[in-house]
Amino acid sequence: MLIKMMKHIVMATYVTIVVMLLLLVAPALSGNSMAWPLQYDYYSSSCPKAEAVVRKTTEEIIAGYPTMGAAFLNMFFYDCFNQIHDAKLYMRM
């Protein structure tokens, strides 16, 4: 009985892993990932010093508060990118 239960647990684990991988890969395969691609030197004509100012300021903040690097990553991946994804969903409606 225990062996049968363990087989079910292992199978459920495999199914969970496959489902999670599909959920991670599906958005990349949907074709909409390049709808609004990022552009290098976006501000080069309208505000040529923008990227240098942002880079310098960010480096100064992280140098003074080393944990801010993780906070910036958290902000970009969980706040900014989710808002962009939500905006795409609203535009489709």
N, C-alpha and C. Protein backbone atom coordinates (compact mmCIF):
# COMPACT_ATOMS: atom_id res chain seq x y z
N MET A 1 0.82 -1.20 0.00
CA MET A 1 0.00 0.00 0.00
C MET A 1 0.87 1.27 0.00
N LEU A 2 1.94 1.22 0.79
CA LEU A 2 2.83 2.38 0.88
C LEU A 2 3.52 2.64 -0.46
N ILE A 3 3.90 1.58 -1.14
CA ILE A 3 4.57 1.74 -2.44
C ILE A 3 3.61 2.36 -3.45
N LYS A 4 2.36 1.94 -3.42
CA LYS A 4 1.36 2.50 -4.34
C LYS A 4 1.15 3.99 -4.06
N MET A 5 1.12 4.34 -2.77
CA MET A 5 0.95 5.74 -2.39
C MET A 5 2.15 6.57 -2.83
N MET A 6 3.35 6.02 -2.69
CA MET A 6 4.55 6.73 -3.11
C MET A 6 4.57 6.95 -4.62
N LYS A 7 4.08 5.97 -5.38
CA LYS A 7 4.01 6.11 -6.83
C LYS A 7 3.08 7.26 -7.21
N HIS A 8 1.96 7.37 -6.49
CA HIS A 8 1.02 8.46 -6.76
C HIS A 8 1.65 9.82 -6.44
N ILE A 9 2.40 9.88 -5.36
CA ILE A 9 3.05 11.14 -4.98
C ILE A 9 4.10 11.52 -6.02
N VAL A 10 4.88 10.56 -6.47
CA VAL A 10 5.90 10.83 -7.49
C VAL A 10 5.24 11.28 -8.78
N MET A 11 4.16 10.61 -9.18
CA MET A 11 3.46 10.99 -10.40
C MET A 11 2.87 12.39 -10.27
N ALA A 12 2.30 12.71 -9.12
CA ALA A 12 1.74 14.04 -8.91
C ALA A 12 2.85 15.10 -8.98
N THR A 13 4.01 14.77 -8.47
CA THR A 13 5.14 15.70 -8.52
C THR A 13 5.56 15.94 -9.97
N TYR A 14 5.65 14.88 -10.75
CA TYR A 14 6.01 15.03 -12.16
C TYR A 14 4.98 15.86 -12.92
N VAL A 15 3.71 15.60 -12.66
CA VAL A 15 2.65 16.36 -13.33
C VAL A 15 2.75 17.83 -12.95
N THR A 16 2.99 18.11 -11.68
CA THR A 16 3.13 19.49 -11.22
C THR A 16 4.30 20.18 -11.91
N ILE A 17 5.41 19.49 -12.02
CA ILE A 17 6.59 20.08 -12.67
C ILE A 17 6.30 20.36 -14.14
N VAL A 18 5.66 19.43 -14.83
CA VAL A 18 5.34 19.63 -16.25
C VAL A 18 4.39 20.80 -16.42
N VAL A 19 3.37 20.90 -15.58
CA VAL A 19 2.42 22.01 -15.67
C VAL A 19 3.12 23.34 -15.42
N MET A 20 3.99 23.40 -14.42
CA MET A 20 4.71 24.64 -14.13
C MET A 20 5.61 25.03 -15.31
N LEU A 21 6.29 24.06 -15.90
CA LEU A 21 7.13 24.37 -17.05
C LEU A 21 6.31 24.88 -18.22
N LEU A 22 5.16 24.28 -18.45
CA LEU A 22 4.29 24.75 -19.53
C LEU A 22 3.80 26.17 -19.27
N LEU A 23 3.48 26.46 -18.02
CA LEU A 23 3.04 27.82 -17.69
C LEU A 23 4.15 28.84 -17.88
N LEU A 24 5.38 28.43 -17.65
CA LEU A 24 6.50 29.34 -17.84
C LEU A 24 6.86 29.53 -19.31
N VAL A 25 6.72 28.48 -20.10
CA VAL A 25 7.13 28.52 -21.50
C VAL A 25 6.03 29.08 -22.40
N ALA A 26 4.78 28.88 -22.06
CA ALA A 26 3.66 29.28 -22.92
C ALA A 26 3.69 30.76 -23.31
N PRO A 27 3.91 31.69 -22.38
CA PRO A 27 3.94 33.10 -22.80
C PRO A 27 5.05 33.41 -23.81
N ALA A 28 6.17 32.74 -23.68
CA ALA A 28 7.26 32.99 -24.63
C ALA A 28 6.92 32.47 -26.02
N LEU A 29 6.12 31.44 -26.09
CA LEU A 29 5.75 30.85 -27.37
C LEU A 29 4.51 31.48 -27.99
N SER A 30 3.86 32.38 -27.26
CA SER A 30 2.60 32.93 -27.74
C SER A 30 2.78 33.90 -28.91
N GLY A 31 3.98 34.43 -29.10
CA GLY A 31 4.22 35.33 -30.22
C GLY A 31 4.04 36.79 -29.86
N ASN A 32 3.49 37.09 -28.70
CA ASN A 32 3.27 38.48 -28.30
C ASN A 32 4.43 39.04 -27.49
N SER A 33 5.46 38.26 -27.28
CA SER A 33 6.55 38.72 -26.44
C SER A 33 7.34 39.86 -27.07
N MET A 34 7.26 40.03 -28.39
CA MET A 34 8.00 41.10 -29.05
C MET A 34 7.08 42.19 -29.58
N ALA A 35 5.89 42.29 -29.00
CA ALA A 35 4.94 43.29 -29.47
C ALA A 35 5.49 44.70 -29.24
N TRP A 36 6.10 44.92 -28.09
CA TRP A 36 6.69 46.21 -27.76
C TRP A 36 8.13 45.99 -27.34
N PRO A 37 9.04 45.76 -28.26
CA PRO A 37 10.42 45.46 -27.87
C PRO A 37 11.11 46.69 -27.27
N LEU A 38 12.04 46.42 -26.38
CA LEU A 38 12.84 47.50 -25.82
C LEU A 38 13.77 48.03 -26.90
N GLN A 39 14.09 49.30 -26.80
CA GLN A 39 14.93 49.92 -27.82
C GLN A 39 16.17 50.51 -27.15
N TYR A 40 17.34 50.14 -27.64
CA TYR A 40 18.59 50.68 -27.13
C TYR A 40 18.69 52.15 -27.52
N ASP A 41 19.18 52.97 -26.63
CA ASP A 41 19.31 54.43 -26.84
C ASP A 41 17.98 55.10 -27.16
N TYR A 42 16.94 54.71 -26.44
CA TYR A 42 15.60 55.25 -26.68
C TYR A 42 15.58 56.77 -26.51
N TYR A 43 16.30 57.28 -25.50
CA TYR A 43 16.29 58.71 -25.22
C TYR A 43 17.45 59.46 -25.88
N SER A 44 18.16 58.85 -26.79
CA SER A 44 19.36 59.48 -27.35
C SER A 44 19.08 60.82 -28.04
N SER A 45 17.92 60.99 -28.62
CA SER A 45 17.64 62.27 -29.29
C SER A 45 16.87 63.24 -28.40
N SER A 46 15.93 62.75 -27.60
CA SER A 46 15.11 63.66 -26.79
C SER A 46 15.80 64.07 -25.49
N CYS A 47 16.58 63.18 -24.90
CA CYS A 47 17.27 63.49 -23.64
C CYS A 47 18.56 62.67 -23.60
N PRO A 48 19.61 63.14 -24.27
CA PRO A 48 20.82 62.34 -24.46
C PRO A 48 21.52 61.90 -23.17
N LYS A 49 21.35 62.63 -22.08
CA LYS A 49 22.05 62.28 -20.85
C LYS A 49 21.20 61.42 -19.91
N ALA A 50 20.00 61.05 -20.32
CA ALA A 50 19.08 60.34 -19.43
C ALA A 50 19.66 59.02 -18.93
N GLU A 51 20.17 58.19 -19.83
CA GLU A 51 20.69 56.89 -19.42
C GLU A 51 21.90 57.03 -18.50
N ALA A 52 22.77 57.98 -18.78
CA ALA A 52 23.95 58.19 -17.94
C ALA A 52 23.55 58.66 -16.55
N VAL A 53 22.57 59.55 -16.48
CA VAL A 53 22.11 60.07 -15.18
C VAL A 53 21.46 58.95 -14.37
N VAL A 54 20.62 58.15 -15.01
CA VAL A 54 19.96 57.04 -14.30
C VAL A 54 21.00 56.03 -13.83
N ARG A 55 21.95 55.70 -14.68
CA ARG A 55 22.99 54.73 -14.31
C ARG A 55 23.82 55.25 -13.13
N LYS A 56 24.26 56.51 -13.20
CA LYS A 56 25.09 57.09 -12.14
C LYS A 56 24.33 57.13 -10.82
N THR A 57 23.08 57.56 -10.88
CA THR A 57 22.27 57.65 -9.67
C THR A 57 22.03 56.27 -9.07
N THR A 58 21.72 55.30 -9.91
CA THR A 58 21.49 53.94 -9.44
C THR A 58 22.76 53.36 -8.81
N GLU A 59 23.90 53.56 -9.44
CA GLU A 59 25.16 53.06 -8.88
C GLU A 59 25.46 53.71 -7.54
N GLU A 60 25.18 55.01 -7.40
CA GLU A 60 25.42 55.70 -6.13
C GLU A 60 24.51 55.16 -5.03
N ILE A 61 23.26 54.92 -5.37
CA ILE A 61 22.31 54.40 -4.37
C ILE A 61 22.74 53.01 -3.92
N ILE A 62 23.09 52.14 -4.87
CA ILE A 62 23.48 50.77 -4.52
C ILE A 62 24.79 50.76 -3.75
N ALA A 63 25.71 51.68 -4.08
CA ALA A 63 26.97 51.76 -3.34
C ALA A 63 26.72 52.17 -1.89
N GLY A 64 25.76 53.05 -1.66
CA GLY A 64 25.46 53.50 -0.31
C GLY A 64 24.61 52.52 0.48
N TYR A 65 23.73 51.81 -0.21
CA TYR A 65 22.82 50.85 0.41
C TYR A 65 22.84 49.57 -0.41
N PRO A 66 23.75 48.64 -0.10
CA PRO A 66 23.92 47.44 -0.92
C PRO A 66 22.65 46.60 -1.11
N THR A 67 21.73 46.64 -0.17
CA THR A 67 20.51 45.84 -0.32
C THR A 67 19.54 46.44 -1.33
N MET A 68 19.80 47.66 -1.77
CA MET A 68 18.90 48.29 -2.74
C MET A 68 18.96 47.62 -4.11
N GLY A 69 20.06 46.93 -4.42
CA GLY A 69 20.13 46.21 -5.69
C GLY A 69 19.02 45.19 -5.79
N ALA A 70 18.82 44.44 -4.72
CA ALA A 70 17.74 43.45 -4.70
C ALA A 70 16.38 44.13 -4.75
N ALA A 71 16.26 45.27 -4.09
CA ALA A 71 14.99 45.99 -4.12
C ALA A 71 14.67 46.49 -5.53
N PHE A 72 15.68 46.96 -6.26
CA PHE A 72 15.45 47.39 -7.64
C PHE A 72 15.00 46.23 -8.51
N LEU A 73 15.68 45.09 -8.38
CA LEU A 73 15.27 43.92 -9.16
C LEU A 73 13.83 43.52 -8.84
N ASN A 74 13.50 43.55 -7.56
CA ASN A 74 12.14 43.22 -7.15
C ASN A 74 11.14 44.18 -7.78
N MET A 75 11.46 45.46 -7.75
CA MET A 75 10.56 46.46 -8.32
C MET A 75 10.36 46.23 -9.81
N PHE A 76 11.44 46.01 -10.54
CA PHE A 76 11.32 45.84 -11.98
C PHE A 76 10.55 44.58 -12.35
N PHE A 77 10.91 43.46 -11.72
CA PHE A 77 10.29 42.20 -12.14
C PHE A 77 8.88 42.02 -11.62
N TYR A 78 8.58 42.54 -10.43
CA TYR A 78 7.25 42.30 -9.87
C TYR A 78 6.31 43.46 -10.06
N ASP A 79 6.80 44.66 -10.11
CA ASP A 79 5.93 45.82 -10.25
C ASP A 79 5.83 46.27 -11.70
N CYS A 80 6.94 46.64 -12.29
CA CYS A 80 6.92 47.20 -13.65
C CYS A 80 6.45 46.19 -14.68
N PHE A 81 7.02 44.99 -14.68
CA PHE A 81 6.67 44.03 -15.72
C PHE A 81 5.24 43.54 -15.57
N ASN A 82 4.76 43.41 -14.34
CA ASN A 82 3.36 43.01 -14.17
C ASN A 82 2.43 44.09 -14.67
N GLN A 83 2.77 45.35 -14.46
CA GLN A 83 1.92 46.43 -14.95
C GLN A 83 1.92 46.45 -16.47
N ILE A 84 3.04 46.18 -17.09
CA ILE A 84 3.10 46.13 -18.55
C ILE A 84 2.23 44.99 -19.06
N HIS A 85 2.31 43.84 -18.40
CA HIS A 85 1.51 42.69 -18.81
C HIS A 85 0.02 43.01 -18.63
N ASP A 86 -0.34 43.64 -17.51
CA ASP A 86 -1.73 44.02 -17.28
C ASP A 86 -2.21 45.00 -18.35
N ALA A 87 -1.36 45.93 -18.73
CA ALA A 87 -1.74 46.91 -19.75
C ALA A 87 -2.00 46.21 -21.09
N LYS A 88 -1.18 45.22 -21.42
CA LYS A 88 -1.41 44.47 -22.66
C LYS A 88 -2.76 43.76 -22.62
N LEU A 89 -3.09 43.20 -21.45
CA LEU A 89 -4.37 42.51 -21.34
C LEU A 89 -5.53 43.48 -21.51
N TYR A 90 -5.42 44.67 -20.91
CA TYR A 90 -6.50 45.64 -21.03
C TYR A 90 -6.65 46.14 -22.46
N MET A 91 -5.55 46.24 -23.18
CA MET A 91 -5.62 46.73 -24.56
C MET A 91 -6.29 45.71 -25.47
N ARG A 92 -6.22 44.43 -25.12
CA ARG A 92 -6.84 43.40 -25.95
C ARG A 92 -8.36 43.39 -25.79
N MET A 93 -8.86 43.91 -24.67
CA MET A 93 -10.30 43.85 -24.41
C MET A 93 -11.07 44.83 -25.25
